Amino acid sequence: MRSGIVLSAAALAGITIPAFAQASSPDAWKEFNAQVEQKCAEAAADMFRKPQVAVDPVGSENFGLAIVFGRSKDVKGRAAVVCVVNKKTGVVELGTEMSNDLVRVRKPKDDDKDDKDDGGQSGAD
């Protein structure tokens, strides 16, 4: 009887934890990363004209991590912010806007073009 109660409690705990907190399979990670991308883009929509999101594929133990960047509405140039998503609660937080004088923010290059430009070697600027 006691083991049945423990199993029921464990099953209930598994149901109440958000799905992205349990991301252990490649498909679960893809789903979680898609959620991080969407939540960060939505959170930064007032800061950027067309926010772009670069998601850290694994994040940290407790947070999904991403950088949101694009043309800033405030500084009238390219800028970026750090975005964190709590893996347990789903709460999104944004850092302060960092303009080009603090970090270099560039539009990502097309992968195919990079291969042709640098002879297939990455990191050759």
N, C-alpha and C. Protein backbone atom coordinates (compact mmCIF):
# COMPACT_ATOMS: atom_id res chain seq x y z
N MET A 1 0.83 -1.20 0.00
CA MET A 1 0.00 0.00 0.00
C MET A 1 0.87 1.26 0.00
N ARG A 2 1.89 1.26 0.86
CA ARG A 2 2.76 2.43 0.96
C ARG A 2 3.47 2.69 -0.37
N SER A 3 3.93 1.63 -1.05
CA SER A 3 4.63 1.84 -2.32
C SER A 3 3.68 2.42 -3.37
N GLY A 4 2.40 2.07 -3.29
CA GLY A 4 1.43 2.64 -4.22
C GLY A 4 1.27 4.13 -4.02
N ILE A 5 1.33 4.59 -2.77
CA ILE A 5 1.23 6.02 -2.48
C ILE A 5 2.46 6.75 -3.01
N VAL A 6 3.63 6.16 -2.82
CA VAL A 6 4.86 6.78 -3.29
C VAL A 6 4.84 6.88 -4.81
N LEU A 7 4.41 5.81 -5.49
CA LEU A 7 4.34 5.83 -6.94
C LEU A 7 3.34 6.87 -7.43
N SER A 8 2.20 6.98 -6.75
CA SER A 8 1.20 7.98 -7.13
C SER A 8 1.74 9.39 -6.96
N ALA A 9 2.45 9.63 -5.88
CA ALA A 9 3.02 10.96 -5.64
C ALA A 9 4.08 11.28 -6.69
N ALA A 10 4.89 10.30 -7.04
CA ALA A 10 5.92 10.52 -8.06
C ALA A 10 5.28 10.80 -9.41
N ALA A 11 4.23 10.10 -9.74
CA ALA A 11 3.54 10.32 -11.01
C ALA A 11 2.92 11.71 -11.05
N LEU A 12 2.31 12.13 -9.94
CA LEU A 12 1.71 13.46 -9.86
C LEU A 12 2.78 14.54 -10.00
N ALA A 13 3.92 14.36 -9.37
CA ALA A 13 5.01 15.33 -9.48
C ALA A 13 5.47 15.45 -10.92
N GLY A 14 5.54 14.34 -11.63
CA GLY A 14 5.94 14.36 -13.03
C GLY A 14 4.96 15.10 -13.90
N ILE A 15 3.69 15.08 -13.54
CA ILE A 15 2.66 15.77 -14.32
C ILE A 15 2.71 17.27 -14.08
N THR A 16 3.03 17.71 -12.87
CA THR A 16 2.97 19.12 -12.55
C THR A 16 4.21 19.89 -12.96
N ILE A 17 5.33 19.22 -13.20
CA ILE A 17 6.54 19.90 -13.65
C ILE A 17 6.40 20.18 -15.13
N PRO A 18 6.71 21.40 -15.58
CA PRO A 18 6.61 21.69 -17.01
C PRO A 18 7.45 20.73 -17.83
N ALA A 19 6.98 20.43 -19.03
CA ALA A 19 7.64 19.44 -19.87
C ALA A 19 9.08 19.81 -20.19
N PHE A 20 9.37 21.11 -20.37
CA PHE A 20 10.73 21.48 -20.73
C PHE A 20 11.72 21.30 -19.60
N ALA A 21 11.25 21.18 -18.36
CA ALA A 21 12.15 20.95 -17.23
C ALA A 21 12.68 19.52 -17.25
N GLN A 22 12.01 18.63 -17.97
CA GLN A 22 12.40 17.24 -18.01
C GLN A 22 13.06 16.87 -19.34
N ALA A 23 13.52 17.85 -20.08
CA ALA A 23 14.07 17.59 -21.41
C ALA A 23 15.27 16.68 -21.33
N SER A 24 15.08 15.42 -21.70
CA SER A 24 16.19 14.48 -21.65
C SER A 24 16.46 13.84 -23.00
N SER A 25 15.48 13.78 -23.85
CA SER A 25 15.67 13.20 -25.17
C SER A 25 15.96 14.32 -26.17
N PRO A 26 16.56 13.98 -27.32
CA PRO A 26 16.82 15.02 -28.33
C PRO A 26 15.55 15.76 -28.76
N ASP A 27 14.44 15.05 -28.88
CA ASP A 27 13.19 15.70 -29.26
C ASP A 27 12.71 16.66 -28.18
N ALA A 28 12.88 16.27 -26.92
CA ALA A 28 12.47 17.15 -25.81
C ALA A 28 13.34 18.40 -25.79
N TRP A 29 14.64 18.26 -26.06
CA TRP A 29 15.52 19.42 -26.11
C TRP A 29 15.12 20.34 -27.25
N LYS A 30 14.79 19.79 -28.41
CA LYS A 30 14.36 20.62 -29.54
C LYS A 30 13.10 21.40 -29.18
N GLU A 31 12.17 20.72 -28.53
CA GLU A 31 10.92 21.37 -28.13
C GLU A 31 11.20 22.47 -27.11
N PHE A 32 12.06 22.18 -26.12
CA PHE A 32 12.39 23.18 -25.12
C PHE A 32 13.08 24.38 -25.76
N ASN A 33 14.05 24.13 -26.65
CA ASN A 33 14.77 25.22 -27.31
C ASN A 33 13.83 26.06 -28.16
N ALA A 34 12.84 25.43 -28.78
CA ALA A 34 11.84 26.18 -29.56
C ALA A 34 11.01 27.07 -28.62
N GLN A 35 10.72 26.56 -27.43
CA GLN A 35 9.97 27.36 -26.45
C GLN A 35 10.81 28.54 -25.97
N VAL A 36 12.11 28.30 -25.73
CA VAL A 36 13.01 29.38 -25.31
C VAL A 36 13.05 30.44 -26.39
N GLU A 37 13.21 30.01 -27.65
CA GLU A 37 13.26 30.96 -28.76
C GLU A 37 11.99 31.80 -28.83
N GLN A 38 10.84 31.15 -28.74
CA GLN A 38 9.57 31.85 -28.84
C GLN A 38 9.37 32.82 -27.67
N LYS A 39 9.63 32.34 -26.44
CA LYS A 39 9.42 33.18 -25.26
C LYS A 39 10.36 34.39 -25.26
N CYS A 40 11.61 34.17 -25.65
CA CYS A 40 12.56 35.28 -25.67
C CYS A 40 12.21 36.29 -26.76
N ALA A 41 11.79 35.82 -27.92
CA ALA A 41 11.39 36.73 -29.00
C ALA A 41 10.18 37.55 -28.58
N GLU A 42 9.22 36.93 -27.94
CA GLU A 42 8.04 37.64 -27.48
C GLU A 42 8.39 38.66 -26.40
N ALA A 43 9.28 38.27 -25.48
CA ALA A 43 9.65 39.17 -24.39
C ALA A 43 10.40 40.39 -24.90
N ALA A 44 11.16 40.23 -25.98
CA ALA A 44 11.96 41.33 -26.52
C ALA A 44 11.29 42.05 -27.69
N ALA A 45 10.07 41.71 -27.99
CA ALA A 45 9.39 42.30 -29.16
C ALA A 45 9.29 43.82 -29.08
N ASP A 46 9.18 44.38 -27.89
CA ASP A 46 9.09 45.83 -27.75
C ASP A 46 10.45 46.51 -27.89
N MET A 47 11.53 45.73 -27.81
CA MET A 47 12.88 46.30 -27.86
C MET A 47 13.47 46.32 -29.28
N PHE A 48 13.05 45.36 -30.12
CA PHE A 48 13.65 45.20 -31.44
C PHE A 48 12.57 45.21 -32.52
N ARG A 49 12.96 45.71 -33.70
CA ARG A 49 12.01 45.71 -34.82
C ARG A 49 11.67 44.29 -35.25
N LYS A 50 12.68 43.48 -35.48
CA LYS A 50 12.51 42.07 -35.85
C LYS A 50 13.50 41.26 -35.02
N PRO A 51 13.11 40.88 -33.79
CA PRO A 51 14.06 40.18 -32.94
C PRO A 51 14.48 38.84 -33.52
N GLN A 52 15.78 38.57 -33.43
CA GLN A 52 16.34 37.28 -33.81
C GLN A 52 16.88 36.65 -32.53
N VAL A 53 16.80 35.33 -32.43
CA VAL A 53 17.18 34.65 -31.19
C VAL A 53 18.19 33.56 -31.49
N ALA A 54 19.29 33.58 -30.73
CA ALA A 54 20.30 32.51 -30.78
C ALA A 54 20.21 31.77 -29.45
N VAL A 55 19.74 30.52 -29.49
CA VAL A 55 19.52 29.74 -28.27
C VAL A 55 20.73 28.87 -27.97
N ASP A 56 21.18 28.90 -26.72
CA ASP A 56 22.21 27.98 -26.26
C ASP A 56 21.57 26.59 -26.28
N PRO A 57 22.13 25.61 -26.99
CA PRO A 57 21.47 24.32 -27.16
C PRO A 57 21.19 23.56 -25.86
N VAL A 58 21.97 23.81 -24.81
CA VAL A 58 21.77 23.09 -23.55
C VAL A 58 21.36 24.03 -22.42
N GLY A 59 21.86 25.24 -22.42
CA GLY A 59 21.56 26.17 -21.34
C GLY A 59 22.36 25.83 -20.10
N SER A 60 21.87 26.21 -18.96
CA SER A 60 22.51 25.87 -17.70
C SER A 60 21.63 24.85 -16.99
N GLU A 61 22.02 24.49 -15.79
CA GLU A 61 21.25 23.50 -15.04
C GLU A 61 19.83 23.97 -14.77
N ASN A 62 19.66 25.27 -14.51
CA ASN A 62 18.35 25.78 -14.12
C ASN A 62 17.67 26.68 -15.16
N PHE A 63 18.42 27.09 -16.20
CA PHE A 63 17.87 28.07 -17.12
C PHE A 63 18.13 27.70 -18.58
N GLY A 64 17.16 28.03 -19.44
CA GLY A 64 17.39 28.07 -20.86
C GLY A 64 18.01 29.42 -21.15
N LEU A 65 19.03 29.47 -22.01
CA LEU A 65 19.76 30.70 -22.25
C LEU A 65 19.71 31.06 -23.73
N ALA A 66 19.62 32.35 -24.00
CA ALA A 66 19.61 32.81 -25.38
C ALA A 66 20.09 34.25 -25.45
N ILE A 67 20.49 34.63 -26.65
CA ILE A 67 20.81 36.03 -26.94
C ILE A 67 19.80 36.49 -27.97
N VAL A 68 19.13 37.59 -27.68
CA VAL A 68 18.17 38.18 -28.61
C VAL A 68 18.85 39.42 -29.20
N PHE A 69 18.80 39.55 -30.52
CA PHE A 69 19.48 40.66 -31.16
C PHE A 69 18.69 41.16 -32.34
N GLY A 70 19.07 42.33 -32.80
CA GLY A 70 18.41 42.92 -33.96
C GLY A 70 18.56 44.43 -33.94
N ARG A 71 17.76 45.09 -34.74
CA ARG A 71 17.78 46.55 -34.82
C ARG A 71 16.96 47.07 -33.65
N SER A 72 17.63 47.80 -32.76
CA SER A 72 17.00 48.32 -31.55
C SER A 72 16.06 49.47 -31.87
N LYS A 73 14.95 49.52 -31.18
CA LYS A 73 14.02 50.65 -31.33
C LYS A 73 14.53 51.86 -30.56
N ASP A 74 15.28 51.63 -29.47
CA ASP A 74 15.75 52.72 -28.62
C ASP A 74 17.05 53.35 -29.11
N VAL A 75 18.05 52.54 -29.40
CA VAL A 75 19.35 53.10 -29.77
C VAL A 75 19.50 53.30 -31.27
N LYS A 76 18.49 52.95 -32.03
CA LYS A 76 18.47 53.14 -33.49
C LYS A 76 19.67 52.48 -34.18
N GLY A 77 20.09 51.36 -33.66
CA GLY A 77 21.18 50.59 -34.25
C GLY A 77 21.04 49.15 -33.80
N ARG A 78 22.02 48.32 -34.14
CA ARG A 78 21.98 46.92 -33.74
C ARG A 78 22.33 46.80 -32.27
N ALA A 79 21.65 45.89 -31.60
CA ALA A 79 21.88 45.69 -30.17
C ALA A 79 21.50 44.25 -29.82
N ALA A 80 21.79 43.88 -28.56
CA ALA A 80 21.49 42.52 -28.10
C ALA A 80 21.12 42.56 -26.62
N VAL A 81 20.37 41.55 -26.19
CA VAL A 81 20.08 41.34 -24.78
C VAL A 81 20.24 39.85 -24.47
N VAL A 82 20.57 39.56 -23.22
CA VAL A 82 20.62 38.18 -22.76
C VAL A 82 19.23 37.83 -22.26
N CYS A 83 18.77 36.63 -22.60
CA CYS A 83 17.46 36.16 -22.18
C CYS A 83 17.63 34.85 -21.42
N VAL A 84 16.97 34.73 -20.27
CA VAL A 84 16.98 33.48 -19.51
C VAL A 84 15.55 33.02 -19.29
N VAL A 85 15.34 31.71 -19.37
CA VAL A 85 14.03 31.12 -19.13
C VAL A 85 14.21 30.08 -18.04
N ASN A 86 13.52 30.24 -16.93
CA ASN A 86 13.60 29.30 -15.83
C ASN A 86 13.02 27.96 -16.28
N LYS A 87 13.81 26.89 -16.18
CA LYS A 87 13.38 25.58 -16.65
C LYS A 87 12.23 25.00 -15.84
N LYS A 88 12.10 25.41 -14.58
CA LYS A 88 11.04 24.87 -13.74
C LYS A 88 9.75 25.65 -13.84
N THR A 89 9.87 26.98 -13.89
CA THR A 89 8.66 27.81 -13.87
C THR A 89 8.28 28.39 -15.22
N GLY A 90 9.24 28.45 -16.15
CA GLY A 90 8.98 29.05 -17.45
C GLY A 90 9.04 30.56 -17.46
N VAL A 91 9.41 31.18 -16.33
CA VAL A 91 9.49 32.63 -16.24
C VAL A 91 10.67 33.13 -17.08
N VAL A 92 10.42 34.19 -17.86
CA VAL A 92 11.42 34.76 -18.75
C VAL A 92 11.95 36.07 -18.15
N GLU A 93 13.27 36.24 -18.23
CA GLU A 93 13.88 37.50 -17.80
C GLU A 93 14.84 37.96 -18.87
N LEU A 94 14.88 39.29 -19.08
CA LEU A 94 15.80 39.88 -20.05
C LEU A 94 16.81 40.75 -19.33
N GLY A 95 18.05 40.74 -19.85
CA GLY A 95 19.06 41.66 -19.35
C GLY A 95 18.85 43.02 -19.98
N THR A 96 19.78 43.93 -19.73
CA THR A 96 19.68 45.26 -20.33
C THR A 96 20.21 45.23 -21.75
N GLU A 97 19.75 46.16 -22.54
CA GLU A 97 20.14 46.24 -23.93
C GLU A 97 21.61 46.65 -24.04
N MET A 98 22.36 45.89 -24.86
CA MET A 98 23.77 46.17 -25.07
C MET A 98 23.96 46.57 -26.54
N SER A 99 24.42 47.79 -26.75
CA SER A 99 24.60 48.29 -28.11
C SER A 99 25.99 47.93 -28.63
N ASN A 100 26.28 48.32 -29.86
CA ASN A 100 27.55 48.00 -30.50
C ASN A 100 28.76 48.56 -29.77
N ASP A 101 28.57 49.58 -28.93
CA ASP A 101 29.73 50.09 -28.19
C ASP A 101 30.14 49.15 -27.06
N LEU A 102 29.26 48.22 -26.68
CA LEU A 102 29.58 47.25 -25.63
C LEU A 102 29.88 45.86 -26.19
N VAL A 103 29.08 45.42 -27.14
CA VAL A 103 29.30 44.12 -27.80
C VAL A 103 29.15 44.31 -29.30
N ARG A 104 29.85 43.51 -30.05
CA ARG A 104 29.72 43.60 -31.50
C ARG A 104 28.54 42.74 -31.93
N VAL A 105 27.56 43.38 -32.51
CA VAL A 105 26.34 42.70 -32.93
C VAL A 105 26.28 42.75 -34.44
N ARG A 106 26.37 41.57 -35.08
CA ARG A 106 26.32 41.51 -36.54
C ARG A 106 25.20 40.59 -36.98
N LYS A 107 24.72 40.87 -38.16
CA LYS A 107 23.73 40.00 -38.77
C LYS A 107 24.43 38.70 -39.14
N PRO A 108 23.84 37.54 -38.82
CA PRO A 108 24.49 36.26 -39.15
C PRO A 108 24.67 36.10 -40.66
N LYS A 109 25.79 35.51 -41.02
CA LYS A 109 26.06 35.26 -42.43
C LYS A 109 25.38 33.97 -42.86
N ASP A 110 25.13 33.89 -44.15
CA ASP A 110 24.58 32.68 -44.74
C ASP A 110 25.65 31.59 -44.68
N ASP A 111 25.34 30.39 -44.14
CA ASP A 111 26.31 29.31 -44.00
C ASP A 111 26.94 28.92 -45.32
N ASP A 112 26.15 28.85 -46.39
CA ASP A 112 26.68 28.47 -47.70
C ASP A 112 27.69 29.50 -48.19
N LYS A 113 27.39 30.76 -47.97
CA LYS A 113 28.29 31.82 -48.41
C LYS A 113 29.59 31.76 -47.61
N ASP A 114 29.51 31.49 -46.30
CA ASP A 114 30.70 31.39 -45.46
C ASP A 114 31.64 30.32 -45.98
N ASP A 115 31.09 29.17 -46.36
CA ASP A 115 31.92 28.07 -46.85
C ASP A 115 32.67 28.46 -48.10
N LYS A 116 32.04 29.22 -48.99
CA LYS A 116 32.67 29.65 -50.23
C LYS A 116 33.71 30.75 -49.96
N ASP A 117 33.38 31.66 -49.03
CA ASP A 117 34.26 32.80 -48.76
C ASP A 117 35.56 32.40 -48.08
N ASP A 118 35.52 31.45 -47.16
CA ASP A 118 36.73 31.13 -46.40
C ASP A 118 37.29 29.75 -46.71
N GLY A 119 36.91 29.20 -47.83
CA GLY A 119 37.45 27.89 -48.22
C GLY A 119 36.99 26.75 -47.33
N GLY A 120 35.84 26.95 -46.65
CA GLY A 120 35.30 25.90 -45.79
C GLY A 120 35.87 25.91 -44.39
N GLN A 121 36.72 26.90 -44.06
CA GLN A 121 37.28 26.98 -42.72
C GLN A 121 36.48 27.97 -41.91
N SER A 122 36.00 27.54 -40.75
CA SER A 122 35.23 28.45 -39.91
C SER A 122 36.20 29.26 -39.07
N GLY A 123 35.77 30.44 -38.70
CA GLY A 123 36.54 31.29 -37.83
C GLY A 123 37.56 32.14 -38.56
N ALA A 124 37.65 32.06 -39.86
CA ALA A 124 38.60 32.87 -40.60
C ALA A 124 37.97 34.20 -40.96
N ASP A 125 38.24 35.23 -40.16
CA ASP A 125 37.71 36.58 -40.43
C ASP A 125 38.75 37.45 -41.05
